[in-house]
Structures are given as structure tokens and as C-alpha cells.
Amino acid sequence: NSRLYAGTANGETTWHDATVLSTEKACPSGKSMLWTIQVQSDVTSDYLTPGQFLKLRWNETTDPLFLAMCSPPSPFAEEEPLQFLVKKTPNIPWLQDISDGTKVQVSNIMGSGFNTANVTVEGEDDMIQHLLVVAMGSGIAPLFACLREVEEGKWPAVSFCSVYYGEWTMDDICWQESFQEWGKEGS
């Protein structure tokens, strides 16, 4: 009697090898990093909706992190790496040792993600036209994937988007250039 739930079979996580392609500052302070990770295609093909997440660990001796993808799902998921916003913290020392080329392990994609049915199809009376995004700290990661889908025109019903995003300092705000550009464009 085997059940599959949240990326596990019989309560055991299935781990897949992955490679960190790049690590770069996501904010001026360097408190948060943007990791681009090449993951096996049988894992990435399950990333269908912003808000989904996976577990990531350095190796079998380290505790895993639960990380939401900040890159939007792609129709070419098998070929494209995934991106994650990772907040550096002294409580997880192995984070300091991750660099370009580091081998890590990831679980299967988990969660159902955000319900986007009311924003991806135009013409319905109950469509969401004004998207309100509220996030604190690294909680912006899965919402950033949504914002990128809006930018790419995948949510045609959304005609206006307001973002309220807080951090400890202005230098801790991630993706400042993207937010500034979207503000200029009126996105």
C-alpha cells in the first residue's frame, strides 16, 4: 500500500543530484542570494505553477531547506534551470560554502502552487484584474515567479499590479532593478 504525497513515497524523500550553476547577490547587502540550479528533467517537468517548492540539501548529512522557485514555470522546463532566492543565515553554516559548480541534492517538486485559474484566461466576469502582492523577506520568492509570469503576458486578465514588499533595510530589497523597471513601464 504505497502512497505518494508531497514528493515522498512512504514518507521517504526521493533525492536527485543537481548542480549549482551560479550564485549571485539578489540584493545590495548580499543577505539574499539568487541560486541558479540545473536539475534533472524528470524533476523540473513537474514545475507547473508558481508557488510550488522543493527541498534542497548539500548532502545526506545536512538538514534540507524548503525553497520555492522564483523562476516562472517554463514550457521548456526540461532544458531550463530553476532559480531560488536563498537567505544567508549563520544558523545554516553550509550555505556559506555553496558556490558555482557545487553539487547539491533536491527532492521532487512539491505543493500545488498558487491557484491562477482566475488570472490566466481573459473574458470571464470574475477575473482578477488588479493583482495585489504582499511579501516580507524571502517570502517574495514564489511571488516573484508570479510577477515574471505577469511580465511575460501569461496572466492576460491582470491589467494592474501593486507590490508591497518589506525588508529590514533598503539594501536587503531583492531584485531592485526589476522592480524599478516595472515601475517605469507601469507594469
Protein backbone atom coordinates (compact mmCIF):
# COMPACT_ATOMS: atom_id res chain seq x y z
CA ASN A 1 0.00 0.00 0.00
CA SER A 2 2.18 2.82 -1.30
CA ARG A 3 1.04 6.45 -1.20
CA LEU A 4 2.76 9.34 -2.90
CA TYR A 5 2.41 12.62 -1.05
CA ALA A 6 4.39 15.87 -1.05
CA GLY A 7 7.24 14.45 -3.11
CA THR A 8 7.68 11.41 -0.90
CA ALA A 9 6.86 7.75 -1.20
CA ASN A 10 6.05 6.04 2.10
CA GLY A 11 7.37 9.11 3.96
CA GLU A 12 10.83 8.86 2.38
CA THR A 13 12.09 11.74 0.25
CA THR A 14 13.44 10.84 -3.17
CA TRP A 15 16.65 12.82 -3.73
CA HIS A 16 18.07 13.85 -7.12
CA ASP A 17 21.53 15.17 -7.93
CA ALA A 18 21.69 18.79 -9.08
CA THR A 19 24.41 21.35 -9.80
CA VAL A 20 24.57 24.98 -8.73
CA LEU A 21 25.30 26.84 -11.96
CA SER A 22 25.58 30.29 -10.39
CA THR A 23 25.26 32.15 -7.12
CA GLU A 24 24.88 35.90 -7.18
CA LYS A 25 23.72 38.64 -4.90
CA ALA A 26 19.97 39.19 -5.14
CA CYS A 27 20.24 42.42 -3.14
CA PRO A 28 22.97 45.01 -2.50
CA SER A 29 23.64 43.77 1.06
CA GLY A 30 24.26 40.20 -0.09
CA LYS A 31 21.89 38.93 2.63
CA SER A 32 19.94 37.03 -0.03
CA MET A 33 21.44 35.13 -2.91
CA LEU A 34 19.97 34.05 -6.24
CA TRP A 35 20.93 30.46 -6.97
CA THR A 36 20.53 29.02 -10.45
CA ILE A 37 20.47 25.23 -10.28
CA GLN A 38 20.45 22.64 -13.05
CA VAL A 39 18.04 19.91 -12.03
CA GLN A 40 17.18 16.66 -13.80
CA SER A 41 14.41 16.99 -16.38
CA ASP A 42 12.17 14.43 -14.68
CA VAL A 43 12.08 16.79 -11.67
CA THR A 44 11.69 20.12 -13.49
CA SER A 45 8.87 18.82 -15.67
CA ASP A 46 6.64 18.77 -12.56
CA TYR A 47 7.04 22.54 -12.01
CA LEU A 48 3.75 23.82 -13.40
CA THR A 49 2.57 26.67 -11.17
CA PRO A 50 4.27 29.49 -9.23
CA GLY A 51 4.24 28.73 -5.52
CA GLN A 52 5.48 25.18 -5.84
CA PHE A 53 8.62 24.28 -3.92
CA LEU A 54 11.16 21.55 -3.23
CA LYS A 55 13.64 20.50 -0.59
CA LEU A 56 17.34 21.17 -1.16
CA ARG A 57 20.28 19.85 0.79
CA TRP A 58 24.03 19.96 0.33
CA ASN A 59 24.45 16.26 1.09
CA GLU A 60 22.94 13.46 3.13
CA THR A 61 24.39 14.83 6.39
CA THR A 62 22.80 18.31 6.14
CA ASP A 63 19.26 19.26 7.01
CA PRO A 64 17.24 20.27 3.94
CA LEU A 65 15.83 23.70 3.18
CA PHE A 66 12.35 24.15 1.75
CA LEU A 67 12.72 26.56 -1.17
CA ALA A 68 10.10 27.96 -3.53
CA MET A 69 11.15 28.55 -7.09
CA CYS A 70 11.46 32.24 -8.01
CA SER A 71 11.80 31.49 -11.72
CA PRO A 72 8.49 31.04 -13.50
CA PRO A 73 7.47 27.63 -14.86
CA SER A 74 8.56 27.12 -18.45
CA PRO A 75 7.12 25.09 -21.30
CA PHE A 76 10.75 24.07 -21.85
CA ALA A 77 11.24 23.03 -18.21
CA GLU A 78 13.33 20.01 -19.10
CA GLU A 79 16.02 22.28 -20.53
CA GLU A 80 15.92 25.26 -18.20
CA PRO A 81 17.50 25.53 -14.75
CA LEU A 82 15.48 26.57 -11.71
CA GLN A 83 16.16 29.70 -9.68
CA PHE A 84 15.85 30.10 -5.93
CA LEU A 85 16.15 33.00 -3.51
CA VAL A 86 18.29 31.85 -0.59
CA LYS A 87 18.64 33.93 2.56
CA LYS A 88 22.07 33.52 4.11
CA THR A 89 21.88 32.78 7.79
CA PRO A 90 24.53 31.87 10.38
CA ASN A 91 22.18 29.13 11.68
CA ILE A 92 22.81 27.13 8.48
CA PRO A 93 26.61 27.21 8.07
CA TRP A 94 26.73 25.05 4.91
CA LEU A 95 25.01 27.84 2.97
CA GLN A 96 28.25 29.82 3.16
CA ASP A 97 30.09 27.01 1.32
CA ILE A 98 27.82 26.84 -1.73
CA SER A 99 29.40 28.29 -4.87
CA ASP A 100 29.23 27.86 -8.63
CA GLY A 101 29.66 24.19 -9.55
CA THR A 102 28.66 22.82 -6.13
CA LYS A 103 26.79 19.52 -6.26
CA VAL A 104 23.56 19.51 -4.22
CA GLN A 105 20.53 17.27 -3.88
CA VAL A 106 16.89 18.20 -4.46
CA SER A 107 13.59 16.47 -3.82
CA ASN A 108 10.72 16.16 -6.25
CA ILE A 109 8.65 19.31 -6.80
CA MET A 110 6.03 19.65 -4.06
CA GLY A 111 2.82 21.55 -3.47
CA SER A 112 0.05 22.62 -5.81
CA GLY A 113 1.26 26.21 -6.12
CA PHE A 114 -0.99 29.25 -6.36
CA ASN A 115 -4.47 28.93 -7.87
CA THR A 116 -4.05 31.01 -11.03
CA ALA A 117 -7.28 29.99 -12.78
CA ASN A 118 -8.77 33.49 -12.40
CA VAL A 119 -5.82 35.32 -13.94
CA THR A 120 -4.73 33.23 -16.89
CA VAL A 121 -7.88 33.38 -19.05
CA GLU A 122 -9.47 36.60 -20.28
CA GLY A 123 -13.15 37.31 -20.69
CA GLU A 124 -14.72 35.95 -17.51
CA ASP A 125 -16.69 38.27 -15.23
CA ASP A 126 -14.93 37.02 -12.11
CA MET A 127 -11.44 37.61 -13.46
CA ILE A 128 -8.79 39.16 -11.23
CA GLN A 129 -7.68 42.36 -12.95
CA HIS A 130 -5.73 44.03 -10.12
CA LEU A 131 -3.08 41.78 -8.58
CA LEU A 132 -2.02 42.72 -5.05
CA VAL A 133 1.28 41.16 -3.93
CA VAL A 134 2.33 41.42 -0.28
CA ALA A 135 5.56 39.81 0.94
CA MET A 136 8.22 40.07 3.61
CA GLY A 137 11.81 38.94 3.27
CA SER A 138 12.48 35.79 1.29
CA GLY A 139 8.70 35.26 1.06
CA ILE A 140 8.92 37.32 -2.13
CA ALA A 141 10.48 34.32 -3.98
CA PRO A 142 7.34 32.46 -5.13
CA LEU A 143 5.54 35.75 -5.74
CA PHE A 144 8.41 36.92 -7.93
CA ALA A 145 7.70 33.92 -10.17
CA CYS A 146 4.10 35.20 -10.44
CA LEU A 147 5.28 38.71 -11.27
CA ARG A 148 7.54 37.37 -14.00
CA GLU A 149 4.59 35.48 -15.49
CA VAL A 150 2.58 38.73 -15.48
CA GLU A 151 5.50 40.45 -17.23
CA GLU A 152 5.65 37.66 -19.82
CA GLY A 153 1.93 38.08 -20.57
CA LYS A 154 0.90 34.69 -19.18
CA TRP A 155 -1.77 36.29 -16.97
CA PRO A 156 -3.69 38.32 -19.58
CA ALA A 157 -6.53 39.28 -17.25
CA VAL A 158 -4.19 41.23 -14.94
CA SER A 159 -4.10 44.85 -16.04
CA PHE A 160 -2.65 46.38 -12.86
CA CYS A 161 -0.29 45.05 -10.20
CA SER A 162 0.60 46.53 -6.80
CA VAL A 163 3.57 45.15 -4.86
CA TYR A 164 4.12 45.73 -1.14
CA TYR A 165 7.43 44.15 -0.17
CA GLY A 166 9.31 44.72 3.06
CA GLU A 167 12.83 44.02 4.27
CA TRP A 168 14.97 45.15 7.20
CA THR A 169 16.81 47.75 5.12
CA MET A 170 16.63 49.12 1.58
CA ASP A 171 19.88 47.26 0.79
CA ASP A 172 18.10 43.99 1.63
CA ILE A 173 15.41 44.50 -1.05
CA CYS A 174 15.89 41.83 -3.73
CA TRP A 175 15.57 42.42 -7.47
CA GLN A 176 15.64 46.20 -7.14
CA GLU A 177 16.39 46.68 -10.85
CA SER A 178 13.38 44.58 -11.90
CA PHE A 179 11.03 46.46 -9.60
CA GLN A 180 12.36 49.82 -10.80
CA GLU A 181 11.98 48.80 -14.45
CA TRP A 182 8.43 47.55 -13.91
CA GLY A 183 7.59 50.82 -12.15
CA LYS A 184 8.83 52.82 -15.16
CA GLU A 185 6.85 50.64 -17.57
CA GLY A 186 3.73 50.82 -15.43
CA SER A 187 3.66 47.02 -15.29
